[in-house]
Amino acid sequence: MRLRIKTDGGARGNPGPAGAGVAIWDEQGQLVLERGFFLGRMTNNQAEYEGLLRGLDAAGQLGADQVEVYCDSELLVKQINGEYRVKNAELKKLFEKVVGLQRQFESVRVRHIRRSENVDADKLANLAMDAKADVNGKVSEEGGEKVGAAGASGAGAQEGDCVRQVVQLRDLVRYNGAKPSCEVLHREGRLTSELICLKGDQEWQMGGKVSQGTITVMYGSGTIEVDGQAMAVAAGCWLHVERVGAIRFRGNGRDDMTVIVSYQS
């Protein structure tokens, strides 16, 4: 069985809180697995390797004998394909683990793609970082996406449930769009994650200064203005911000837009 895999990994702070994402399709193009993994503290490159390791492990468990892997890390791809040497001691350990996992397959191809072509895995990695927990993504029978924290169940799950709130609050805004919605998903020390939902041409400005943070567009499209510099964004876009003041979100007049902002003030 041949499977196609997209993997991604990232860290907020490099090193900092890290996550990896894996999305897998079968030979018919059907999505068979979506998973985000919270990795704790590590570098971007370590997280990219962890994403590849998790993808290969999942493909093996699904019974694949041939895999095609797509990553947006040029360094990782060139190291795996022998074009670059692995000099970093920690990456070398991860590289050796990848080599070991590759032996279970008849063939493995690892290819580089642009970040814009890797939104599936990137989104899952960011969801895991936002939730500080592993997350599962599944495609419903109606074709709509549902995302929930792995292992979270019942009203008592707190950190895990915050990811599920993204979908719930987005739907609430869709039907009750008189004003923008801003919900704090998680707060721990100086780190805060907020969910911002806009309908149509609504706008929302964050108060206070951000020392560093990430902005992930979950659904819809619109404009994000950072310290007066505006940029058009759409679902899957991911922005890193440092030492900024005013951040303004504006809808495009047509679509609802849902954004998660994780930041240190």
C-alpha atoms as a PDB file:
ATOM      1  CA  MET A   1       0.000   0.000   0.000  1.00  0.00           C
ATOM      2  CA  ARG A   2       1.299   3.436  -0.963  1.00  0.00           C
ATOM      3  CA  LEU A   3       0.610   6.434   1.292  1.00  0.00           C
ATOM      4  CA  ARG A   4       1.277  10.140   0.773  1.00  0.00           C
ATOM      5  CA  ILE A   5       2.327  12.068   3.875  1.00  0.00           C
ATOM      6  CA  LYS A   6       2.719  15.750   4.677  1.00  0.00           C
ATOM      7  CA  THR A   7       4.622  16.636   7.836  1.00  0.00           C
ATOM      8  CA  ASP A   8       5.577  19.872   9.552  1.00  0.00           C
ATOM      9  CA  GLY A   9       7.081  21.057  12.805  1.00  0.00           C
ATOM     10  CA  GLY A  10       7.792  24.336  14.522  1.00  0.00           C
ATOM     11  CA  ALA A  11       8.779  25.956  17.791  1.00  0.00           C
ATOM     12  CA  ARG A  12       7.688  29.255  19.264  1.00  0.00           C
ATOM     13  CA  GLY A  13      10.901  30.845  20.431  1.00  0.00           C
ATOM     14  CA  ASN A  14      13.393  28.446  18.784  1.00  0.00           C
ATOM     15  CA  PRO A  15      13.893  26.780  21.180  1.00  0.00           C
ATOM     16  CA  GLY A  16      10.480  27.002  22.772  1.00  0.00           C
ATOM     17  CA  PRO A  17       7.119  25.220  22.978  1.00  0.00           C
ATOM     18  CA  ALA A  18       7.016  23.020  19.889  1.00  0.00           C
ATOM     19  CA  GLY A  19       4.548  20.998  17.856  1.00  0.00           C
ATOM     20  CA  ALA A  20       4.434  18.724  14.820  1.00  0.00           C
ATOM     21  CA  GLY A  21       1.670  17.932  12.352  1.00  0.00           C
ATOM     22  CA  VAL A  22       1.024  14.887  10.162  1.00  0.00           C
ATOM     23  CA  ALA A  23      -1.580  14.403   7.433  1.00  0.00           C
ATOM     24  CA  ILE A  24      -1.783  11.147   5.435  1.00  0.00           C
ATOM     25  CA  TRP A  25      -3.667  10.257   2.236  1.00  0.00           C
ATOM     26  CA  ASP A  26      -4.168   6.838   0.614  1.00  0.00           C
ATOM     27  CA  GLU A  27      -3.709   5.896  -3.048  1.00  0.00           C
ATOM     28  CA  GLN A  28      -7.236   7.076  -3.876  1.00  0.00           C
ATOM     29  CA  GLY A  29      -6.542  10.508  -2.410  1.00  0.00           C
ATOM     30  CA  GLN A  30      -8.678   9.920   0.679  1.00  0.00           C
ATOM     31  CA  LEU A  31      -7.489  11.567   3.875  1.00  0.00           C
ATOM     32  CA  VAL A  32      -6.919   8.739   6.359  1.00  0.00           C
ATOM     33  CA  LEU A  33      -5.161  10.460   9.263  1.00  0.00           C
ATOM     34  CA  GLU A  34      -4.625  13.950  10.692  1.00  0.00           C
ATOM     35  CA  ARG A  35      -2.695  14.393  13.910  1.00  0.00           C
ATOM     36  CA  GLY A  36      -0.969  17.187  15.769  1.00  0.00           C
ATOM     37  CA  PHE A  37       1.649  16.456  18.440  1.00  0.00           C
ATOM     38  CA  PHE A  38       2.738  18.687  21.293  1.00  0.00           C
ATOM     39  CA  LEU A  39       6.487  18.143  21.686  1.00  0.00           C
ATOM     40  CA  GLY A  40       7.462  20.244  24.679  1.00  0.00           C
ATOM     41  CA  ARG A  41      10.506  22.497  24.361  1.00  0.00           C
ATOM     42  CA  MET A  42      12.813  22.116  21.350  1.00  0.00           C
ATOM     43  CA  THR A  43      14.088  23.915  18.245  1.00  0.00           C
ATOM     44  CA  ASN A  44      12.334  24.338  14.888  1.00  0.00           C
ATOM     45  CA  ASN A  45      14.651  21.833  13.213  1.00  0.00           C
ATOM     46  CA  GLN A  46      14.144  19.244  15.947  1.00  0.00           C
ATOM     47  CA  ALA A  47      10.372  19.681  15.598  1.00  0.00           C
ATOM     48  CA  GLU A  48      10.609  19.194  11.813  1.00  0.00           C
ATOM     49  CA  TYR A  49      12.419  15.900  12.399  1.00  0.00           C
ATOM     50  CA  GLU A  50       9.850  14.854  14.996  1.00  0.00           C
ATOM     51  CA  GLY A  51       7.105  15.519  12.452  1.00  0.00           C
ATOM     52  CA  LEU A  52       8.821  13.231   9.951  1.00  0.00           C
ATOM     53  CA  LEU A  53       9.342  10.539  12.597  1.00  0.00           C
ATOM     54  CA  ARG A  54       5.675  10.667  13.634  1.00  0.00           C
ATOM     55  CA  GLY A  55       4.581  10.509   9.999  1.00  0.00           C
ATOM     56  CA  LEU A  56       6.711   7.461   9.205  1.00  0.00           C
ATOM     57  CA  ASP A  57       5.606   5.727  12.396  1.00  0.00           C
ATOM     58  CA  ALA A  58       1.917   6.353  11.592  1.00  0.00           C
ATOM     59  CA  ALA A  59       2.347   5.113   8.014  1.00  0.00           C
ATOM     60  CA  GLY A  60       3.933   1.912   9.308  1.00  0.00           C
ATOM     61  CA  GLN A  61       1.053   1.344  11.685  1.00  0.00           C
ATOM     62  CA  LEU A  62      -1.387   1.848   8.792  1.00  0.00           C
ATOM     63  CA  GLY A  63       0.345  -0.956   6.882  1.00  0.00           C
ATOM     64  CA  ALA A  64       2.114   1.054   4.177  1.00  0.00           C
ATOM     65  CA  ASP A  65       4.967  -0.486   2.231  1.00  0.00           C
ATOM     66  CA  GLN A  66       5.665   2.587   0.065  1.00  0.00           C
ATOM     67  CA  VAL A  67       5.518   6.205   1.241  1.00  0.00           C
ATOM     68  CA  GLU A  68       5.989   9.636  -0.293  1.00  0.00           C
ATOM     69  CA  VAL A  69       6.710  12.323   2.294  1.00  0.00           C
ATOM     70  CA  TYR A  70       6.404  16.060   1.667  1.00  0.00           C
ATOM     71  CA  CYS A  71       7.983  18.645   4.015  1.00  0.00           C
ATOM     72  CA  ASP A  72       8.583  22.383   3.743  1.00  0.00           C
ATOM     73  CA  SER A  73      11.944  22.203   5.571  1.00  0.00           C
ATOM     74  CA  GLU A  74      14.631  22.310   2.896  1.00  0.00           C
ATOM     75  CA  LEU A  75      17.300  21.498   5.499  1.00  0.00           C
ATOM     76  CA  LEU A  76      15.526  18.318   6.623  1.00  0.00           C
ATOM     77  CA  VAL A  77      14.822  17.126   3.092  1.00  0.00           C
ATOM     78  CA  LYS A  78      18.401  17.675   1.917  1.00  0.00           C
ATOM     79  CA  GLN A  79      19.822  15.985   5.008  1.00  0.00           C
ATOM     80  CA  ILE A  80      17.565  12.947   4.604  1.00  0.00           C
ATOM     81  CA  ASN A  81      18.392  12.711   0.895  1.00  0.00           C
ATOM     82  CA  GLY A  82      22.148  12.931   1.549  1.00  0.00           C
ATOM     83  CA  GLU A  83      22.685  16.382  -0.006  1.00  0.00           C
ATOM     84  CA  TYR A  84      23.659  17.971   3.324  1.00  0.00           C
ATOM     85  CA  ARG A  85      25.664  16.485   6.180  1.00  0.00           C
ATOM     86  CA  VAL A  86      24.054  16.359   9.625  1.00  0.00           C
ATOM     87  CA  LYS A  87      26.478  18.204  11.902  1.00  0.00           C
ATOM     88  CA  ASN A  88      24.272  19.068  14.888  1.00  0.00           C
ATOM     89  CA  ALA A  89      24.527  16.359  17.558  1.00  0.00           C
ATOM     90  CA  GLU A  90      20.837  16.435  18.512  1.00  0.00           C
ATOM     91  CA  LEU A  91      19.682  16.378  14.891  1.00  0.00           C
ATOM     92  CA  LYS A  92      22.052  13.489  14.203  1.00  0.00           C
ATOM     93  CA  LYS A  93      20.224  11.371  16.792  1.00  0.00           C
ATOM     94  CA  LEU A  94      16.899  12.171  15.136  1.00  0.00           C
ATOM     95  CA  PHE A  95      18.372  11.527  11.683  1.00  0.00           C
ATOM     96  CA  GLU A  96      19.456   8.049  12.775  1.00  0.00           C
ATOM     97  CA  LYS A  97      15.946   7.342  14.072  1.00  0.00           C
ATOM     98  CA  VAL A  98      14.518   8.333  10.685  1.00  0.00           C
ATOM     99  CA  VAL A  99      16.944   5.997   8.905  1.00  0.00           C
ATOM    100  CA  GLY A 100      15.843   3.189  11.196  1.00  0.00           C
ATOM    101  CA  LEU A 101      12.144   3.785  10.530  1.00  0.00           C
ATOM    102  CA  GLN A 102      12.702   3.952   6.770  1.00  0.00           C
ATOM    103  CA  ARG A 103      13.904   0.336   6.749  1.00  0.00           C
ATOM    104  CA  GLN A 104      10.371  -0.955   7.368  1.00  0.00           C
ATOM    105  CA  PHE A 105       9.240   0.258   3.914  1.00  0.00           C
ATOM    106  CA  GLU A 106      10.043  -1.001   0.438  1.00  0.00           C
ATOM    107  CA  SER A 107      10.530   2.581  -0.725  1.00  0.00           C
ATOM    108  CA  VAL A 108      10.564   6.047   0.875  1.00  0.00           C
ATOM    109  CA  ARG A 109      10.729   9.327  -1.012  1.00  0.00           C
ATOM    110  CA  VAL A 110      11.122  12.597   0.887  1.00  0.00           C
ATOM    111  CA  ARG A 111      10.445  15.719  -1.152  1.00  0.00           C
ATOM    112  CA  HIS A 112      10.488  19.458  -0.486  1.00  0.00           C
ATOM    113  CA  ILE A 113       7.368  21.593  -0.965  1.00  0.00           C
ATOM    114  CA  ARG A 114       6.626  25.258  -0.324  1.00  0.00           C
ATOM    115  CA  ARG A 115       5.049  26.328   2.969  1.00  0.00           C
ATOM    116  CA  SER A 116       1.912  27.380   1.072  1.00  0.00           C
ATOM    117  CA  GLU A 117       1.520  23.761  -0.076  1.00  0.00           C
ATOM    118  CA  ASN A 118       1.827  22.381   3.447  1.00  0.00           C
ATOM    119  CA  VAL A 119      -1.054  24.088   5.252  1.00  0.00           C
ATOM    120  CA  ASP A 120      -2.608  20.777   6.405  1.00  0.00           C
ATOM    121  CA  ALA A 121       0.352  19.706   8.532  1.00  0.00           C
ATOM    122  CA  ASP A 122       1.240  23.275   9.554  1.00  0.00           C
ATOM    123  CA  LYS A 123      -2.268  23.844  10.917  1.00  0.00           C
ATOM    124  CA  LEU A 124      -2.143  20.647  12.984  1.00  0.00           C
ATOM    125  CA  ALA A 125       1.256  21.546  14.447  1.00  0.00           C
ATOM    126  CA  ASN A 126      -0.048  24.963  15.502  1.00  0.00           C
ATOM    127  CA  LEU A 127      -3.223  23.490  16.982  1.00  0.00           C
ATOM    128  CA  ALA A 128      -1.096  21.192  19.130  1.00  0.00           C
ATOM    129  CA  MET A 129       1.048  24.122  20.277  1.00  0.00           C
ATOM    130  CA  ASP A 130      -2.048  26.179  21.088  1.00  0.00           C
ATOM    131  CA  ALA A 131      -3.629  23.313  23.041  1.00  0.00           C
ATOM    132  CA  LYS A 132      -0.352  22.179  24.662  1.00  0.00           C
ATOM    133  CA  ALA A 133      -1.632  18.673  23.877  1.00  0.00           C
ATOM    134  CA  ASP A 134      -1.835  16.189  21.016  1.00  0.00           C
ATOM    135  CA  VAL A 135      -4.819  16.824  18.741  1.00  0.00           C
ATOM    136  CA  ASN A 136      -6.744  14.653  16.307  1.00  0.00           C
ATOM    137  CA  GLY A 137      -8.303  15.922  13.103  1.00  0.00           C
ATOM    138  CA  LYS A 138     -10.989  13.929  11.306  1.00  0.00           C
ATOM    139  CA  VAL A 139     -13.043  14.536   8.180  1.00  0.00           C
ATOM    140  CA  SER A 140     -16.761  14.130   8.792  1.00  0.00           C
ATOM    141  CA  GLU A 141     -19.153  12.340   6.444  1.00  0.00           C
ATOM    142  CA  GLU A 142     -20.450  15.728   5.287  1.00  0.00           C
ATOM    143  CA  GLY A 143     -16.911  16.762   4.338  1.00  0.00           C
ATOM    144  CA  GLY A 144     -16.530  19.361   7.077  1.00  0.00           C
ATOM    145  CA  GLU A 145     -13.478  19.405   9.266  1.00  0.00           C
ATOM    146  CA  LYS A 146     -13.609  18.631  12.954  1.00  0.00           C
ATOM    147  CA  VAL A 147     -10.649  19.122  15.225  1.00  0.00           C
ATOM    148  CA  GLY A 148     -10.409  17.931  18.815  1.00  0.00           C
ATOM    149  CA  ALA A 149      -7.785  17.251  21.398  1.00  0.00           C
ATOM    150  CA  ALA A 150      -6.574  13.677  21.558  1.00  0.00           C
ATOM    151  CA  GLY A 151      -7.986  11.953  24.592  1.00  0.00           C
ATOM    152  CA  ALA A 152     -10.218  14.859  25.618  1.00  0.00           C
ATOM    153  CA  SER A 153     -13.735  13.931  26.622  1.00  0.00           C
ATOM    154  CA  GLY A 154     -16.528  15.390  28.713  1.00  0.00           C
ATOM    155  CA  ALA A 155     -16.890  18.842  30.235  1.00  0.00           C
ATOM    156  CA  GLY A 156     -13.959  18.294  32.568  1.00  0.00           C
ATOM    157  CA  ALA A 157     -11.268  18.382  29.856  1.00  0.00           C
ATOM    158  CA  GLN A 158      -9.883  21.925  29.949  1.00  0.00           C
ATOM    159  CA  GLU A 159      -6.758  22.374  27.845  1.00  0.00           C
ATOM    160  CA  GLY A 160      -7.933  19.745  25.370  1.00  0.00           C
ATOM    161  CA  ASP A 161     -11.359  21.302  25.023  1.00  0.00           C
ATOM    162  CA  CYS A 162      -9.923  24.672  24.055  1.00  0.00           C
ATOM    163  CA  VAL A 163      -9.221  23.384  20.539  1.00  0.00           C
ATOM    164  CA  ARG A 164     -12.761  22.075  20.193  1.00  0.00           C
ATOM    165  CA  GLN A 165     -14.017  25.538  21.172  1.00  0.00           C
ATOM    166  CA  VAL A 166     -12.518  26.882  17.949  1.00  0.00           C
ATOM    167  CA  VAL A 167     -15.148  25.044  15.935  1.00  0.00           C
ATOM    168  CA  GLN A 168     -17.960  25.671  18.409  1.00  0.00           C
ATOM    169  CA  LEU A 169     -17.357  29.413  18.677  1.00  0.00           C
ATOM    170  CA  ARG A 170     -16.872  29.772  14.936  1.00  0.00           C
ATOM    171  CA  ASP A 171     -20.328  28.281  14.438  1.00  0.00           C
ATOM    172  CA  LEU A 172     -21.783  30.572  17.108  1.00  0.00           C
ATOM    173  CA  VAL A 173     -20.404  33.635  15.355  1.00  0.00           C
ATOM    174  CA  ARG A 174     -21.822  32.440  12.063  1.00  0.00           C
ATOM    175  CA  TYR A 175     -25.351  32.688  13.450  1.00  0.00           C
ATOM    176  CA  ASN A 176     -24.885  35.513  15.952  1.00  0.00           C
ATOM    177  CA  GLY A 177     -22.634  37.940  14.180  1.00  0.00           C
ATOM    178  CA  ALA A 178     -23.761  41.253  15.660  1.00  0.00           C
ATOM    179  CA  LYS A 179     -20.293  41.912  17.064  1.00  0.00           C
ATOM    180  CA  PRO A 180     -16.840  40.330  16.992  1.00  0.00           C
ATOM    181  CA  SER A 181     -16.136  37.561  19.496  1.00  0.00           C
ATOM    182  CA  CYS A 182     -12.925  37.249  21.507  1.00  0.00           C
ATOM    183  CA  GLU A 183     -12.454  34.238  23.784  1.00  0.00           C
ATOM    184  CA  VAL A 184      -9.448  33.392  25.973  1.00  0.00           C
ATOM    185  CA  LEU A 185      -8.656  29.741  25.270  1.00  0.00           C
ATOM    186  CA  HIS A 186      -5.725  29.336  27.610  1.00  0.00           C
ATOM    187  CA  ARG A 187      -3.666  31.460  29.980  1.00  0.00           C
ATOM    188  CA  GLU A 188      -0.597  30.339  31.892  1.00  0.00           C
ATOM    189  CA  GLY A 189       1.900  32.827  33.288  1.00  0.00           C
ATOM    190  CA  ARG A 190       2.813  35.287  30.553  1.00  0.00           C
ATOM    191  CA  LEU A 191       1.492  33.063  27.747  1.00  0.00           C
ATOM    192  CA  THR A 192      -2.063  33.663  26.505  1.00  0.00           C
ATOM    193  CA  SER A 193      -4.024  32.094  23.632  1.00  0.00           C
ATOM    194  CA  GLU A 194      -7.067  33.935  22.316  1.00  0.00           C
ATOM    195  CA  LEU A 195      -9.659  33.003  19.724  1.00  0.00           C
ATOM    196  CA  ILE A 196     -10.969  35.918  17.625  1.00  0.00           C
ATOM    197  CA  CYS A 197     -14.022  35.447  15.388  1.00  0.00           C
ATOM    198  CA  LEU A 198     -15.085  38.072  12.839  1.00  0.00           C
ATOM    199  CA  LYS A 199     -18.075  38.062  10.539  1.00  0.00           C
ATOM    200  CA  GLY A 200     -18.040  39.813   7.174  1.00  0.00           C
ATOM    201  CA  ASP A 201     -16.473  43.248   7.429  1.00  0.00           C
ATOM    202  CA  GLN A 202     -16.119  43.340  11.229  1.00  0.00           C
ATOM    203  CA  GLU A 203     -12.808  44.295  12.791  1.00  0.00           C
ATOM    204  CA  TRP A 204     -11.062  43.735  16.102  1.00  0.00           C
ATOM    205  CA  GLN A 205      -8.010  45.413  17.590  1.00  0.00           C
ATOM    206  CA  MET A 206      -5.948  43.712  20.249  1.00  0.00           C
ATOM    207  CA  GLY A 207      -4.985  45.857  23.181  1.00  0.00           C
ATOM    208  CA  GLY A 208      -1.544  45.996  24.781  1.00  0.00           C
ATOM    209  CA  LYS A 209       1.892  45.183  23.462  1.00  0.00           C
ATOM    210  CA  VAL A 210       3.083  41.732  22.390  1.00  0.00           C
ATOM    211  CA  SER A 211       6.711  40.783  23.097  1.00  0.00           C
ATOM    212  CA  GLN A 212       6.421  37.739  20.834  1.00  0.00           C
ATOM    213  CA  GLY A 213       3.624  35.573  19.518  1.00  0.00           C
ATOM    214  CA  THR A 214       2.036  33.696  16.639  1.00  0.00           C
ATOM    215  CA  ILE A 215      -1.118  34.362  14.658  1.00  0.00           C
ATOM    216  CA  THR A 216      -2.816  31.399  12.968  1.00  0.00           C
ATOM    217  CA  VAL A 217      -5.743  31.903  10.577  1.00  0.00           C
ATOM    218  CA  MET A 218      -8.039  28.940  11.151  1.00  0.00           C
ATOM    219  CA  TYR A 219     -10.938  29.743   8.834  1.00  0.00           C
ATOM    220  CA  GLY A 220     -11.961  32.335   6.271  1.00  0.00           C
ATOM    221  CA  SER A 221      -9.904  35.240   4.988  1.00  0.00           C
ATOM    222  CA  GLY A 222      -9.375  38.925   5.592  1.00  0.00           C
ATOM    223  CA  THR A 223      -6.644  41.345   6.609  1.00  0.00           C
ATOM    224  CA  ILE A 224      -4.207  41.459   9.526  1.00  0.00           C
ATOM    225  CA  GLU A 225      -2.610  44.812  10.309  1.00  0.00           C
ATOM    226  CA  VAL A 226       0.503  44.763  12.510  1.00  0.00           C
ATOM    227  CA  ASP A 227       1.713  48.191  13.680  1.00  0.00           C
ATOM    228  CA  GLY A 228       0.012  49.769  10.685  1.00  0.00           C
ATOM    229  CA  GLN A 229       1.332  47.326   8.074  1.00  0.00           C
ATOM    230  CA  ALA A 230      -1.554  45.386   6.535  1.00  0.00           C
ATOM    231  CA  MET A 231      -1.435  42.016   4.785  1.00  0.00           C
ATOM    232  CA  ALA A 232      -4.120  39.848   3.212  1.00  0.00           C
ATOM    233  CA  VAL A 233      -4.451  36.422   4.858  1.00  0.00           C
ATOM    234  CA  ALA A 234      -6.441  33.220   4.365  1.00  0.00           C
ATOM    235  CA  ALA A 235      -6.997  29.924   6.194  1.00  0.00           C
ATOM    236  CA  GLY A 236      -3.702  28.180   6.900  1.00  0.00           C
ATOM    237  CA  CYS A 237      -1.622  31.369   7.109  1.00  0.00           C
ATOM    238  CA  TRP A 238       0.763  31.555  10.064  1.00  0.00           C
ATOM    239  CA  LEU A 239       2.539  34.711  11.225  1.00  0.00           C
ATOM    240  CA  HIS A 240       5.247  35.219  13.836  1.00  0.00           C
ATOM    241  CA  VAL A 241       5.288  38.641  15.527  1.00  0.00           C
ATOM    242  CA  GLU A 242       7.817  40.198  17.900  1.00  0.00           C
ATOM    243  CA  ARG A 243       7.800  43.444  19.877  1.00  0.00           C
ATOM    244  CA  VAL A 244       4.641  44.886  18.320  1.00  0.00           C
ATOM    245  CA  GLY A 245       1.887  47.143  19.611  1.00  0.00           C
ATOM    246  CA  ALA A 246      -1.405  47.398  17.717  1.00  0.00           C
ATOM    247  CA  ILE A 247      -2.666  44.269  15.930  1.00  0.00           C
ATOM    248  CA  ARG A 248      -5.921  44.729  14.014  1.00  0.00           C
ATOM    249  CA  PHE A 249      -7.986  42.025  12.298  1.00  0.00           C
ATOM    250  CA  ARG A 250     -10.466  42.875   9.536  1.00  0.00           C
ATOM    251  CA  GLY A 251     -12.814  40.645   7.572  1.00  0.00           C
ATOM    252  CA  ASN A 252     -12.949  40.884   3.791  1.00  0.00           C
ATOM    253  CA  GLY A 253     -16.662  41.735   3.691  1.00  0.00           C
ATOM    254  CA  ARG A 254     -17.694  38.258   2.540  1.00  0.00           C
ATOM    255  CA  ASP A 255     -16.240  35.466   4.682  1.00  0.00           C
ATOM    256  CA  ASP A 256     -16.209  34.839   8.411  1.00  0.00           C
ATOM    257  CA  MET A 257     -12.644  34.793   9.743  1.00  0.00           C
ATOM    258  CA  THR A 258     -11.430  32.852  12.789  1.00  0.00           C
ATOM    259  CA  VAL A 259      -7.956  33.464  14.195  1.00  0.00           C
ATOM    260  CA  ILE A 260      -5.967  32.060  17.122  1.00  0.00           C
ATOM    261  CA  VAL A 261      -3.365  34.374  18.652  1.00  0.00           C
ATOM    262  CA  SER A 262      -0.854  32.927  21.111  1.00  0.00           C
ATOM    263  CA  TYR A 263       1.395  35.551  22.639  1.00  0.00           C
ATOM    264  CA  GLN A 264       3.532  36.767  25.497  1.00  0.00           C
ATOM    265  CA  SER A 265       2.809  40.308  26.672  1.00  0.00           C
END
